[in-house]
N, C-alpha and C. Protein backbone atom coordinates (compact mmCIF):
# COMPACT_ATOMS: atom_id res chain seq x y z
N MET A 1 0.85 -1.18 0.00
CA MET A 1 0.00 0.00 0.00
C MET A 1 0.90 1.24 0.00
N ALA A 2 0.59 2.15 -0.87
CA ALA A 2 1.35 3.39 -0.95
C ALA A 2 1.08 4.26 0.28
N LYS A 3 2.07 5.05 0.66
CA LYS A 3 1.90 5.92 1.82
C LYS A 3 0.81 6.96 1.63
N THR A 4 0.43 7.21 0.38
CA THR A 4 -0.61 8.20 0.12
C THR A 4 -2.02 7.61 0.17
N ASP A 5 -2.12 6.28 0.33
CA ASP A 5 -3.43 5.63 0.42
C ASP A 5 -4.01 5.78 1.82
N TRP A 6 -5.31 5.92 1.89
CA TRP A 6 -6.00 5.94 3.17
C TRP A 6 -6.10 4.51 3.70
N GLN A 7 -6.01 4.37 5.02
CA GLN A 7 -6.13 3.07 5.67
C GLN A 7 -7.26 3.13 6.69
N ALA A 8 -7.99 2.03 6.83
CA ALA A 8 -9.11 1.97 7.77
C ALA A 8 -8.67 1.29 9.06
N TRP A 9 -9.20 1.80 10.18
CA TRP A 9 -8.90 1.27 11.51
C TRP A 9 -10.21 1.04 12.25
N VAL A 10 -10.26 -0.05 13.02
CA VAL A 10 -11.42 -0.33 13.87
C VAL A 10 -10.93 -0.49 15.30
N TRP A 11 -11.46 0.31 16.18
CA TRP A 11 -11.17 0.25 17.61
C TRP A 11 -12.26 -0.59 18.26
N ILE A 12 -11.87 -1.52 19.15
CA ILE A 12 -12.81 -2.47 19.73
C ILE A 12 -12.77 -2.44 21.25
N LYS A 13 -13.95 -2.43 21.85
CA LYS A 13 -14.12 -2.55 23.29
C LYS A 13 -14.78 -3.90 23.54
N TRP A 14 -14.14 -4.74 24.36
CA TRP A 14 -14.68 -6.06 24.69
C TRP A 14 -15.70 -5.96 25.81
N LYS A 15 -16.62 -6.91 25.85
CA LYS A 15 -17.56 -7.03 26.96
C LYS A 15 -16.81 -7.53 28.19
N PRO A 16 -17.29 -7.20 29.39
CA PRO A 16 -16.67 -7.71 30.62
C PRO A 16 -16.63 -9.25 30.60
N GLY A 17 -15.52 -9.81 31.05
CA GLY A 17 -15.37 -11.26 31.11
C GLY A 17 -14.99 -11.92 29.81
N THR A 18 -14.62 -11.13 28.82
CA THR A 18 -14.24 -11.68 27.52
C THR A 18 -13.04 -12.60 27.64
N SER A 19 -13.10 -13.71 26.94
CA SER A 19 -11.99 -14.66 26.89
C SER A 19 -10.79 -14.02 26.19
N SER A 20 -9.60 -14.39 26.61
CA SER A 20 -8.38 -13.84 25.98
C SER A 20 -8.21 -14.37 24.55
N THR A 21 -9.02 -15.32 24.14
CA THR A 21 -8.93 -15.87 22.79
C THR A 21 -10.08 -15.41 21.89
N ALA A 22 -10.84 -14.43 22.33
CA ALA A 22 -12.03 -13.97 21.59
C ALA A 22 -11.70 -13.49 20.17
N TRP A 23 -10.53 -12.99 19.97
CA TRP A 23 -10.14 -12.43 18.67
C TRP A 23 -9.62 -13.48 17.69
N GLU A 24 -9.36 -14.70 18.14
CA GLU A 24 -8.68 -15.69 17.31
C GLU A 24 -9.42 -16.05 16.03
N GLY A 25 -10.74 -15.91 16.02
CA GLY A 25 -11.49 -16.19 14.79
C GLY A 25 -11.15 -15.25 13.65
N TRP A 26 -10.55 -14.12 13.97
CA TRP A 26 -10.16 -13.14 12.95
C TRP A 26 -8.73 -13.32 12.48
N LYS A 27 -7.97 -14.18 13.14
CA LYS A 27 -6.52 -14.28 12.92
C LYS A 27 -6.11 -14.46 11.46
N ASN A 28 -6.81 -15.27 10.71
CA ASN A 28 -6.44 -15.53 9.32
C ASN A 28 -7.32 -14.81 8.31
N ASN A 29 -8.04 -13.80 8.76
CA ASN A 29 -8.92 -13.05 7.87
C ASN A 29 -8.08 -12.13 6.98
N PRO A 30 -8.17 -12.27 5.66
CA PRO A 30 -7.33 -11.47 4.77
C PRO A 30 -7.65 -9.97 4.79
N SER A 31 -8.80 -9.59 5.32
CA SER A 31 -9.14 -8.17 5.40
C SER A 31 -8.47 -7.47 6.57
N ILE A 32 -7.88 -8.23 7.50
CA ILE A 32 -7.20 -7.65 8.65
C ILE A 32 -5.69 -7.67 8.38
N LYS A 33 -5.12 -6.48 8.25
CA LYS A 33 -3.68 -6.37 7.97
C LYS A 33 -2.85 -6.53 9.23
N ALA A 34 -3.35 -6.02 10.36
CA ALA A 34 -2.61 -6.08 11.61
C ALA A 34 -3.57 -5.88 12.77
N ALA A 35 -3.17 -6.37 13.95
CA ALA A 35 -4.00 -6.23 15.15
C ALA A 35 -3.10 -5.89 16.33
N TRP A 36 -3.60 -5.01 17.20
CA TRP A 36 -2.86 -4.62 18.40
C TRP A 36 -3.78 -4.69 19.61
N SER A 37 -3.22 -5.09 20.72
CA SER A 37 -3.90 -4.94 22.01
C SER A 37 -3.56 -3.54 22.50
N THR A 38 -4.52 -2.86 23.10
CA THR A 38 -4.29 -1.48 23.51
C THR A 38 -4.68 -1.26 24.97
N LEU A 39 -4.18 -0.20 25.54
CA LEU A 39 -4.53 0.21 26.89
C LEU A 39 -5.35 1.48 26.80
N GLY A 40 -6.22 1.68 27.76
CA GLY A 40 -7.03 2.90 27.76
C GLY A 40 -8.47 2.61 27.46
N GLU A 41 -9.11 3.52 26.74
CA GLU A 41 -10.55 3.42 26.47
C GLU A 41 -10.91 2.19 25.64
N TRP A 42 -10.05 1.81 24.69
CA TRP A 42 -10.30 0.69 23.79
C TRP A 42 -9.39 -0.47 24.16
N ASP A 43 -9.82 -1.70 23.82
CA ASP A 43 -9.05 -2.90 24.17
C ASP A 43 -8.17 -3.39 23.04
N CYS A 44 -8.56 -3.14 21.81
CA CYS A 44 -7.70 -3.51 20.68
C CYS A 44 -8.04 -2.66 19.47
N VAL A 45 -7.15 -2.68 18.51
CA VAL A 45 -7.37 -1.95 17.26
C VAL A 45 -6.91 -2.84 16.11
N LEU A 46 -7.67 -2.80 15.02
CA LEU A 46 -7.34 -3.56 13.82
C LEU A 46 -7.12 -2.61 12.66
N ALA A 47 -6.07 -2.86 11.88
CA ALA A 47 -5.84 -2.15 10.62
C ALA A 47 -6.44 -3.03 9.53
N LEU A 48 -7.29 -2.45 8.70
CA LEU A 48 -8.02 -3.24 7.72
C LEU A 48 -7.60 -2.96 6.28
N ASN A 49 -7.76 -3.97 5.46
CA ASN A 49 -7.49 -3.90 4.04
C ASN A 49 -8.84 -3.71 3.33
N VAL A 50 -9.38 -2.51 3.39
CA VAL A 50 -10.63 -2.17 2.70
C VAL A 50 -10.40 -0.88 1.93
N SER A 51 -11.21 -0.66 0.91
CA SER A 51 -10.98 0.50 0.03
C SER A 51 -12.00 1.61 0.17
N THR A 52 -13.19 1.28 0.64
CA THR A 52 -14.25 2.28 0.68
C THR A 52 -14.94 2.28 2.05
N PRO A 53 -15.59 3.37 2.38
CA PRO A 53 -16.37 3.40 3.63
C PRO A 53 -17.45 2.31 3.67
N GLU A 54 -18.01 1.97 2.52
CA GLU A 54 -19.03 0.93 2.47
C GLU A 54 -18.44 -0.43 2.83
N GLU A 55 -17.25 -0.74 2.29
CA GLU A 55 -16.57 -1.99 2.63
C GLU A 55 -16.26 -2.05 4.13
N LEU A 56 -15.83 -0.91 4.67
CA LEU A 56 -15.51 -0.85 6.10
C LEU A 56 -16.75 -1.14 6.94
N GLU A 57 -17.86 -0.48 6.64
CA GLU A 57 -19.08 -0.68 7.43
C GLU A 57 -19.58 -2.12 7.32
N THR A 58 -19.53 -2.68 6.14
CA THR A 58 -19.95 -4.08 5.96
C THR A 58 -19.08 -5.01 6.78
N PHE A 59 -17.77 -4.80 6.74
CA PHE A 59 -16.85 -5.65 7.50
C PHE A 59 -17.10 -5.52 9.00
N VAL A 60 -17.26 -4.30 9.47
CA VAL A 60 -17.48 -4.09 10.91
C VAL A 60 -18.76 -4.77 11.36
N TRP A 61 -19.86 -4.57 10.64
CA TRP A 61 -21.15 -5.10 11.08
C TRP A 61 -21.30 -6.59 10.87
N LYS A 62 -20.65 -7.16 9.85
CA LYS A 62 -20.79 -8.60 9.61
C LYS A 62 -19.71 -9.41 10.33
N THR A 63 -18.50 -8.92 10.37
CA THR A 63 -17.40 -9.70 10.93
C THR A 63 -17.10 -9.32 12.37
N ILE A 64 -16.81 -8.05 12.62
CA ILE A 64 -16.43 -7.62 13.96
C ILE A 64 -17.61 -7.72 14.93
N ARG A 65 -18.71 -7.11 14.57
CA ARG A 65 -19.89 -7.11 15.45
C ARG A 65 -20.54 -8.49 15.54
N GLY A 66 -20.17 -9.39 14.63
CA GLY A 66 -20.66 -10.77 14.69
C GLY A 66 -20.01 -11.57 15.81
N ASN A 67 -18.93 -11.05 16.37
CA ASN A 67 -18.25 -11.69 17.50
C ASN A 67 -19.05 -11.38 18.77
N GLN A 68 -19.49 -12.41 19.46
CA GLN A 68 -20.35 -12.23 20.65
C GLN A 68 -19.71 -11.42 21.76
N TRP A 69 -18.39 -11.28 21.74
CA TRP A 69 -17.69 -10.59 22.83
C TRP A 69 -17.49 -9.09 22.58
N VAL A 70 -17.80 -8.63 21.39
CA VAL A 70 -17.60 -7.21 21.06
C VAL A 70 -18.73 -6.38 21.66
N GLU A 71 -18.35 -5.40 22.47
CA GLU A 71 -19.34 -4.52 23.08
C GLU A 71 -19.54 -3.24 22.28
N GLN A 72 -18.43 -2.70 21.73
CA GLN A 72 -18.50 -1.40 21.06
C GLN A 72 -17.38 -1.31 20.04
N THR A 73 -17.62 -0.56 18.96
CA THR A 73 -16.58 -0.30 17.96
C THR A 73 -16.57 1.17 17.58
N SER A 74 -15.44 1.60 17.08
CA SER A 74 -15.31 2.93 16.50
C SER A 74 -14.39 2.79 15.30
N THR A 75 -14.73 3.44 14.21
CA THR A 75 -13.91 3.34 13.01
C THR A 75 -13.30 4.69 12.65
N SER A 76 -12.16 4.62 11.99
CA SER A 76 -11.51 5.84 11.52
C SER A 76 -10.66 5.51 10.30
N TRP A 77 -10.30 6.55 9.58
CA TRP A 77 -9.42 6.44 8.43
C TRP A 77 -8.15 7.24 8.73
N ALA A 78 -7.03 6.76 8.23
CA ALA A 78 -5.76 7.47 8.44
C ALA A 78 -4.92 7.37 7.17
N LYS A 79 -4.12 8.42 6.97
CA LYS A 79 -3.17 8.43 5.85
C LYS A 79 -1.81 8.82 6.39
N GLN A 80 -0.80 8.04 6.05
CA GLN A 80 0.55 8.31 6.53
C GLN A 80 1.15 9.51 5.80
N TRP A 81 1.68 10.45 6.58
CA TRP A 81 2.33 11.62 6.00
C TRP A 81 3.82 11.40 5.84
N TRP A 82 4.45 10.79 6.81
CA TRP A 82 5.88 10.49 6.73
C TRP A 82 6.18 9.30 7.62
N GLY A 83 7.39 8.79 7.50
CA GLY A 83 7.83 7.70 8.38
C GLY A 83 8.10 6.42 7.65
């Protein structure tokens, strides 16, 4: 992906008592480029391989929100300026 391309991100908040393996069903999903565990308001963030806002919303509602342990999501787009 070129540095000038926009990238989609999904921030995820797990439900209380979520298993530490709740994310494993996504591990081999080709639409997920990378995954991080995070501290603070959100529990993890995924970098996605999608091209349009419509693809992003479909992926979030069918794949991410389909996981019984997901309590909340937030999506954003980012473009790398340097680095």
